[in-house]
C-alpha cells in the first residue's frame, strides 16, 4: 500500500500535540483537514489509530505507527534537503555555492523560551541562511551531533561526551509528572522528596539511550538501584505524557516542562531535594563552521538577559503561587 506522507505528518502531529486543533495550527492546516487525513489513514490501514479523548492518545496500533512515521518523515526531510542542495549547486549561471542550512536539534521543549528566542535572533542576523529544525528523541542526546545530523542542539543534561562542547543556558528545579489521581499528586503545592518518588513507575527507555540521559530521567537510580519501572517505553515527551495521563507511567523533567506540557490529567510535583539540573546548547567540539559560532554567540548573549525571554512560572500547578526560580 502506498504511504502518503501528508497523512503521516498530520497523524504524528496529533499524537505529539495530543489535540487536533493544536496539530492543525502547527501544520498551518485547518482542523477538518487534519481530521480527514487521520480518518483516511485509519481507513487505509483498517484500524483505529487514535482514541478521541482529551488529550487525544494513540491506540496500540497508533503507538507503533508513530515510531515508523517519525522515522519516515525524518528520512523524507533529509532526502529533500540533500537533493535541493545538489540541484542548487549545479544550477547554470550560479556564481556561488548555495548556503548550507543550519540544522538545529531540539530535545523536547529545549531551553524553554530561550530556544525560539535564539532561533529568531539568528534568523534576523543571518536571513540568507536557511534554518532546519529537527526534533530530537531521547536516544539522540549526543548522537545527532556526532553523527552530523544537526549542527547545534538544545539538550539536557550535559552530554558528557568529549566530542561535544556544551554551554549552560538555564538551571531549574526538577519535577515529576504523575497522574492526577495518584496520591503523590497531592504534593503538587508542597513538593516531594527523592525517597517519595523512588518507587514511581517511571517509563522505560530504549537500550541505546545514553547513560547520562538515563541517569537524569531516573534521578541517578539506574541498574541495581532502580525502583520499579512501567512497562511503557518512551522516546519523546509526548509519549511520556501519554503514559502519565493514562495512568500507566510517571515521568521526570525540569520545572519549565509544566508550562509546555500542561495536559489534562497530568500533575507536576517539585522534587525538593533533587539537585537542580541545567539545559545546554551543544555543538561538535572543534567545529569551525562560522554559522555555528554565530548561533552560539547569539544564544549566549541572550542568556545574559534571559529574564525577558523566560515566561513567569506560576508554579508547577496552573494557578499556583510560587514563581519559578530559574537561574544562570
Protein backbone atom coordinates (compact mmCIF):
# COMPACT_ATOMS: atom_id res chain seq x y z
CA UNK A 1 0.00 0.00 0.00
CA UNK A 2 1.49 3.41 -0.98
CA UNK A 3 2.15 5.68 2.02
CA UNK A 4 1.02 9.32 1.79
CA UNK A 5 3.49 11.37 3.82
CA UNK A 6 0.92 14.15 4.29
CA UNK A 7 -1.33 11.75 6.17
CA UNK A 8 1.56 10.55 8.32
CA UNK A 9 2.57 14.14 9.08
CA UNK A 10 -0.93 15.04 10.27
CA UNK A 11 -1.24 11.84 12.30
CA UNK A 12 2.14 12.32 14.01
CA UNK A 13 1.36 15.96 14.82
CA UNK A 14 -1.88 14.90 16.56
CA UNK A 15 0.00 12.22 18.53
CA UNK A 16 2.68 14.70 19.63
CA UNK A 17 0.29 17.56 20.42
CA UNK A 18 -2.48 15.41 21.92
CA UNK A 19 -5.02 17.68 20.24
CA UNK A 20 -6.37 18.05 16.69
CA UNK A 21 -6.58 21.87 16.76
CA UNK A 22 -3.03 22.31 18.07
CA UNK A 23 -1.76 19.86 15.45
CA UNK A 24 -3.56 21.83 12.74
CA UNK A 25 -2.03 25.12 13.93
CA UNK A 26 1.44 23.55 13.95
CA UNK A 27 0.99 22.33 10.35
CA UNK A 28 -0.77 25.50 9.13
CA UNK A 29 -3.82 23.43 8.17
CA UNK A 30 -7.45 23.60 9.19
CA UNK A 31 -8.64 21.18 11.93
CA UNK A 32 -11.09 19.50 9.48
CA UNK A 33 -8.19 18.82 7.08
CA UNK A 34 -6.13 17.16 9.81
CA UNK A 35 -9.15 15.13 10.93
CA UNK A 36 -9.72 13.98 7.34
CA UNK A 37 -6.08 12.97 6.98
CA UNK A 38 -6.24 10.82 10.10
CA UNK A 39 -9.51 9.21 9.02
CA UNK A 40 -8.07 8.38 5.60
CA UNK A 41 -5.03 6.79 7.23
CA UNK A 42 -7.25 4.75 9.56
CA UNK A 43 -9.37 3.67 6.58
CA UNK A 44 -6.29 2.67 4.56
CA UNK A 45 -4.90 0.62 7.47
CA UNK A 46 -8.26 -0.77 8.54
CA UNK A 47 -7.87 0.09 12.23
CA UNK A 48 -8.33 2.90 14.74
CA UNK A 49 -5.12 4.80 15.38
CA UNK A 50 -6.27 7.41 17.88
CA UNK A 51 -8.59 7.50 20.85
CA UNK A 52 -10.63 10.69 20.62
CA UNK A 53 -10.27 11.83 24.21
CA UNK A 54 -8.77 14.84 25.97
CA UNK A 55 -5.90 14.62 25.31
CA UNK A 56 -6.04 12.51 22.17
CA UNK A 57 -3.94 9.36 22.71
CA UNK A 58 -2.79 6.71 20.24
CA UNK A 59 -4.17 3.18 20.29
CA UNK A 60 -1.62 0.34 20.40
CA UNK A 61 -1.62 0.36 16.58
CA UNK A 62 -1.20 4.13 16.64
CA UNK A 63 1.76 3.94 19.03
CA UNK A 64 3.52 1.50 16.73
CA UNK A 65 2.79 3.60 13.64
CA UNK A 66 4.02 6.80 15.34
CA UNK A 67 7.56 5.44 15.60
CA UNK A 68 7.60 4.43 11.95
CA UNK A 69 6.03 7.75 10.89
CA UNK A 70 8.67 9.76 12.72
CA UNK A 71 11.50 7.86 11.02
CA UNK A 72 9.90 8.07 7.57
CA UNK A 73 9.28 11.82 7.80
CA UNK A 74 12.82 12.49 9.03
CA UNK A 75 14.19 10.43 6.14
CA UNK A 76 11.99 12.32 3.66
CA UNK A 77 13.18 15.68 5.01
CA UNK A 78 16.80 14.60 4.75
CA UNK A 79 16.28 13.39 1.17
CA UNK A 80 14.67 16.66 0.08
CA UNK A 81 17.42 18.74 1.71
CA UNK A 82 20.12 16.65 0.04
CA UNK A 83 18.59 16.84 -3.44
CA UNK A 84 17.84 20.58 -3.17
CA UNK A 85 21.47 21.27 -2.24
CA UNK A 86 22.67 19.20 -5.20
CA UNK A 87 20.31 20.91 -7.66
CA UNK A 88 21.21 24.39 -6.41
CA UNK A 89 24.94 23.65 -6.61
CA UNK A 90 24.62 22.62 -10.25
CA UNK A 91 22.29 25.43 -11.35
CA UNK A 92 23.64 27.08 -14.55
CA UNK A 93 24.98 30.56 -14.03
CA UNK A 94 25.27 30.17 -10.30
CA UNK A 95 28.17 32.31 -9.13
CA UNK A 96 28.39 30.97 -5.59
CA UNK A 97 27.79 27.80 -3.71
CA UNK A 98 24.35 27.61 -2.11
CA UNK A 99 24.21 28.45 1.58
CA UNK A 100 24.15 25.27 3.62
CA UNK A 101 21.24 25.18 6.08
CA UNK A 102 21.96 25.45 9.78
CA UNK A 103 20.38 22.38 11.37
CA UNK A 104 19.06 22.99 14.87
CA UNK A 105 18.19 20.00 17.05
CA UNK A 106 15.75 20.39 19.94
CA UNK A 107 15.08 17.81 22.66
CA UNK A 108 11.57 18.28 23.99
CA UNK A 109 10.96 21.97 24.71
CA UNK A 110 14.68 22.74 24.58
CA UNK A 111 15.69 25.57 26.90
CA UNK A 112 12.16 26.91 27.36
CA UNK A 113 11.56 30.33 25.81
CA UNK A 114 15.28 30.79 25.14
CA UNK A 115 15.07 28.27 22.31
CA UNK A 116 12.75 30.22 19.95
CA UNK A 117 14.40 33.49 21.04
CA UNK A 118 17.80 32.16 19.93
CA UNK A 119 16.49 30.80 16.63
CA UNK A 120 14.66 34.03 15.83
CA UNK A 121 17.73 36.12 16.73
CA UNK A 122 19.84 34.03 14.37
CA UNK A 123 17.27 34.35 11.57
CA UNK A 124 17.28 38.13 11.97
CA UNK A 125 21.07 38.25 11.99
CA UNK A 126 21.57 35.78 9.12
CA UNK A 127 18.43 35.94 6.93
CA UNK A 128 20.27 34.41 3.98
CA UNK A 129 20.96 31.15 5.85
CA UNK A 130 18.16 28.55 5.84
CA UNK A 131 17.35 27.08 9.25
CA UNK A 132 16.18 23.47 9.57
CA UNK A 133 14.59 22.39 12.85
CA UNK A 134 14.98 18.76 13.90
CA UNK A 135 13.08 17.31 16.84
CA UNK A 136 15.42 15.00 18.78
CA UNK A 137 14.31 11.99 20.77
CA UNK A 138 15.85 10.69 24.00
CA UNK A 139 18.29 8.41 22.18
CA UNK A 140 19.82 11.37 20.27
CA UNK A 141 21.24 13.14 23.30
CA UNK A 142 24.69 13.37 21.67
CA UNK A 143 24.49 11.16 18.58
CA UNK A 144 22.59 13.69 16.45
CA UNK A 145 25.61 15.98 16.72
CA UNK A 146 28.43 13.46 16.45
CA UNK A 147 26.73 11.72 13.51
CA UNK A 148 26.31 15.10 11.75
CA UNK A 149 22.51 15.14 11.67
CA UNK A 150 22.36 18.54 13.35
CA UNK A 151 24.84 21.41 13.81
CA UNK A 152 23.66 22.77 17.18
CA UNK A 153 21.37 21.14 19.73
CA UNK A 154 19.33 22.22 22.74
CA UNK A 155 19.71 19.27 25.11
CA UNK A 156 19.74 18.21 28.75
CA UNK A 157 21.63 17.11 30.77
CA UNK A 158 25.23 17.79 29.70
CA UNK A 159 26.15 15.07 27.17
CA UNK A 160 29.45 14.14 28.87
CA UNK A 161 30.99 13.25 25.51
CA UNK A 162 34.44 14.59 24.60
CA UNK A 163 33.23 15.04 21.02
CA UNK A 164 30.64 17.58 22.16
CA UNK A 165 31.02 21.05 23.69
CA UNK A 166 28.11 22.36 25.79
CA UNK A 167 27.15 25.70 27.37
CA UNK A 168 24.70 26.06 30.26
CA UNK A 169 21.58 28.01 29.28
CA UNK A 170 19.12 27.54 32.17
CA UNK A 171 19.24 25.78 35.54
CA UNK A 172 15.97 24.66 37.08
CA UNK A 173 14.32 22.64 39.81
CA UNK A 174 13.43 19.04 38.98
CA UNK A 175 9.84 17.79 38.83
CA UNK A 176 7.99 14.53 38.35
CA UNK A 177 4.86 14.14 36.24
CA UNK A 178 2.17 11.89 37.70
CA UNK A 179 -1.50 11.17 37.09
CA UNK A 180 -3.88 13.49 38.93
CA UNK A 181 -5.47 10.54 40.76
CA UNK A 182 -2.24 9.29 42.34
CA UNK A 183 -1.51 10.03 46.00
CA UNK A 184 1.66 11.91 45.09
CA UNK A 185 -0.39 14.45 43.12
CA UNK A 186 -1.48 15.91 46.46
CA UNK A 187 2.11 17.12 46.94
CA UNK A 188 1.99 19.42 43.88
CA UNK A 189 1.87 22.54 46.06
CA UNK A 190 4.24 21.40 48.82
CA UNK A 191 6.73 19.23 46.93
CA UNK A 192 8.09 15.72 47.40
CA UNK A 193 11.46 14.13 48.16
CA UNK A 194 13.63 11.68 46.27
CA UNK A 195 12.50 8.99 48.70
CA UNK A 196 8.87 9.77 47.80
CA UNK A 197 9.46 9.33 44.07
CA UNK A 198 11.91 6.40 44.17
CA UNK A 199 9.23 3.77 43.55
CA UNK A 200 7.24 5.62 40.89
CA UNK A 201 6.63 3.56 37.72
CA UNK A 202 8.89 5.66 35.53
CA UNK A 203 8.64 4.83 31.83
CA UNK A 204 11.36 2.70 30.26
CA UNK A 205 13.88 3.94 27.70
CA UNK A 206 15.48 2.11 24.79
CA UNK A 207 18.68 0.23 25.47
CA UNK A 208 20.82 2.58 23.38
CA UNK A 209 19.69 5.69 25.27
CA UNK A 210 22.88 7.42 26.51
CA UNK A 211 23.62 6.76 30.18
CA UNK A 212 23.79 10.48 31.17
CA UNK A 213 20.24 10.95 29.92
CA UNK A 214 19.01 7.80 31.63
CA UNK A 215 20.56 8.90 34.94
CA UNK A 216 18.92 12.30 34.53
CA UNK A 217 15.48 10.80 33.93
CA UNK A 218 15.71 8.41 36.88
CA UNK A 219 17.45 10.79 39.32
CA UNK A 220 20.54 8.59 39.21
CA UNK A 221 18.63 5.42 40.11
CA UNK A 222 19.76 3.05 37.36
CA UNK A 223 20.90 -0.56 37.33
CA UNK A 224 20.55 -2.43 40.60
CA UNK A 225 19.49 0.73 42.42
CA UNK A 226 16.49 1.35 40.20
CA UNK A 227 12.97 1.22 41.54
CA UNK A 228 10.14 -0.37 39.66
CA UNK A 229 9.59 0.65 36.02
CA UNK A 230 6.50 0.94 33.89
CA UNK A 231 6.08 -1.48 31.01
CA UNK A 232 5.66 1.59 28.76
CA UNK A 233 8.63 2.79 26.72
CA UNK A 234 9.07 6.41 25.62
CA UNK A 235 11.46 8.34 23.39
CA UNK A 236 9.68 11.73 23.37
CA UNK A 237 7.98 13.95 25.98
CA UNK A 238 4.66 13.39 24.24
CA UNK A 239 4.97 9.64 24.78
CA UNK A 240 5.85 10.28 28.43
CA UNK A 241 2.72 12.40 28.91
CA UNK A 242 0.58 9.80 27.16
CA UNK A 243 1.73 7.23 29.72
CA UNK A 244 1.12 9.69 32.58
CA UNK A 245 -2.43 10.72 31.66
CA UNK A 246 -3.47 7.13 31.02
CA UNK A 247 -2.13 6.11 34.42
CA UNK A 248 0.50 3.72 33.05
CA UNK A 249 3.73 5.58 33.83
CA UNK A 250 5.41 8.53 35.52
CA UNK A 251 7.95 10.95 34.06
CA UNK A 252 10.50 13.49 35.17
CA UNK A 253 11.84 16.75 33.81
CA UNK A 254 12.72 20.36 34.50
CA UNK A 255 10.20 22.70 36.09
CA UNK A 256 9.55 24.54 32.81
CA UNK A 257 8.24 21.21 31.44
CA UNK A 258 4.97 22.04 33.18
CA UNK A 259 4.49 25.17 31.06
CA UNK A 260 4.93 23.32 27.80
CA UNK A 261 3.12 20.08 28.53
CA UNK A 262 0.07 21.07 30.57
CA UNK A 263 -2.07 18.09 29.65
CA UNK A 264 -5.36 17.47 31.47
CA UNK A 265 -4.83 14.67 33.97
CA UNK A 266 -1.10 15.33 34.45
CA UNK A 267 0.17 16.92 37.67
CA UNK A 268 3.73 18.19 38.16
CA UNK A 269 5.33 17.81 41.57
CA UNK A 270 8.59 19.54 42.58
CA UNK A 271 11.30 17.22 43.92
CA UNK A 272 12.71 19.33 46.73
CA UNK A 273 15.96 17.52 47.47
CA UNK A 274 16.92 16.59 43.91
CA UNK A 275 19.92 18.50 42.52
CA UNK A 276 18.86 21.23 40.13
CA UNK A 277 19.60 20.41 36.51
CA UNK A 278 20.59 22.51 33.50
CA UNK A 279 19.68 22.72 29.85
CA UNK A 280 22.51 23.22 27.37
CA UNK A 281 23.38 24.39 23.90
CA UNK A 282 25.65 21.69 22.47
CA UNK A 283 27.89 21.79 19.39
CA UNK A 284 30.56 19.50 18.00
CA UNK A 285 33.91 20.07 19.68
CA UNK A 286 36.26 21.86 17.31
CA UNK A 287 33.52 22.74 14.80
CA UNK A 288 34.87 25.76 12.91
CA UNK A 289 31.67 26.45 10.93
CA UNK A 290 31.18 30.24 11.22
CA UNK A 291 27.38 29.85 11.32
CA UNK A 292 27.66 27.57 14.35
CA UNK A 293 29.87 30.15 16.07
CA UNK A 294 27.38 32.93 15.27
CA UNK A 295 24.44 30.92 16.59
CA UNK A 296 26.31 30.05 19.78
CA UNK A 297 27.39 33.66 20.35
CA UNK A 298 23.85 34.98 19.86
CA UNK A 299 22.40 32.35 22.18
CA UNK A 300 24.89 33.08 24.96
CA UNK A 301 24.21 36.80 24.57
CA UNK A 302 20.52 36.10 25.15
CA UNK A 303 21.32 34.07 28.27
CA UNK A 304 22.71 37.20 29.90
CA UNK A 305 19.28 38.80 29.56
CA UNK A 306 17.28 35.60 29.95
CA UNK A 307 14.70 37.13 32.28
CA UNK A 308 12.90 38.84 29.43
CA UNK A 309 12.59 35.57 27.48
CA UNK A 310 11.66 33.13 30.23
CA UNK A 311 7.95 33.27 30.97
CA UNK A 312 6.98 33.76 34.63
CA UNK A 313 6.19 30.35 36.05
CA UNK A 314 3.16 30.38 38.36
CA UNK A 315 4.26 27.13 39.93
CA UNK A 316 4.07 23.53 38.89
CA UNK A 317 0.26 23.61 39.00
CA UNK A 318 -1.64 26.21 36.97
CA UNK A 319 -2.68 28.98 39.30
CA UNK A 320 -0.02 28.12 41.88
CA UNK A 321 1.52 30.85 43.98
CA UNK A 322 5.26 30.21 43.53
CA UNK A 323 7.30 31.71 40.75
CA UNK A 324 9.99 29.68 39.03
CA UNK A 325 13.49 30.12 40.34
CA UNK A 326 15.33 29.92 37.04
CA UNK A 327 18.98 30.80 37.45
CA UNK A 328 22.00 31.03 35.18
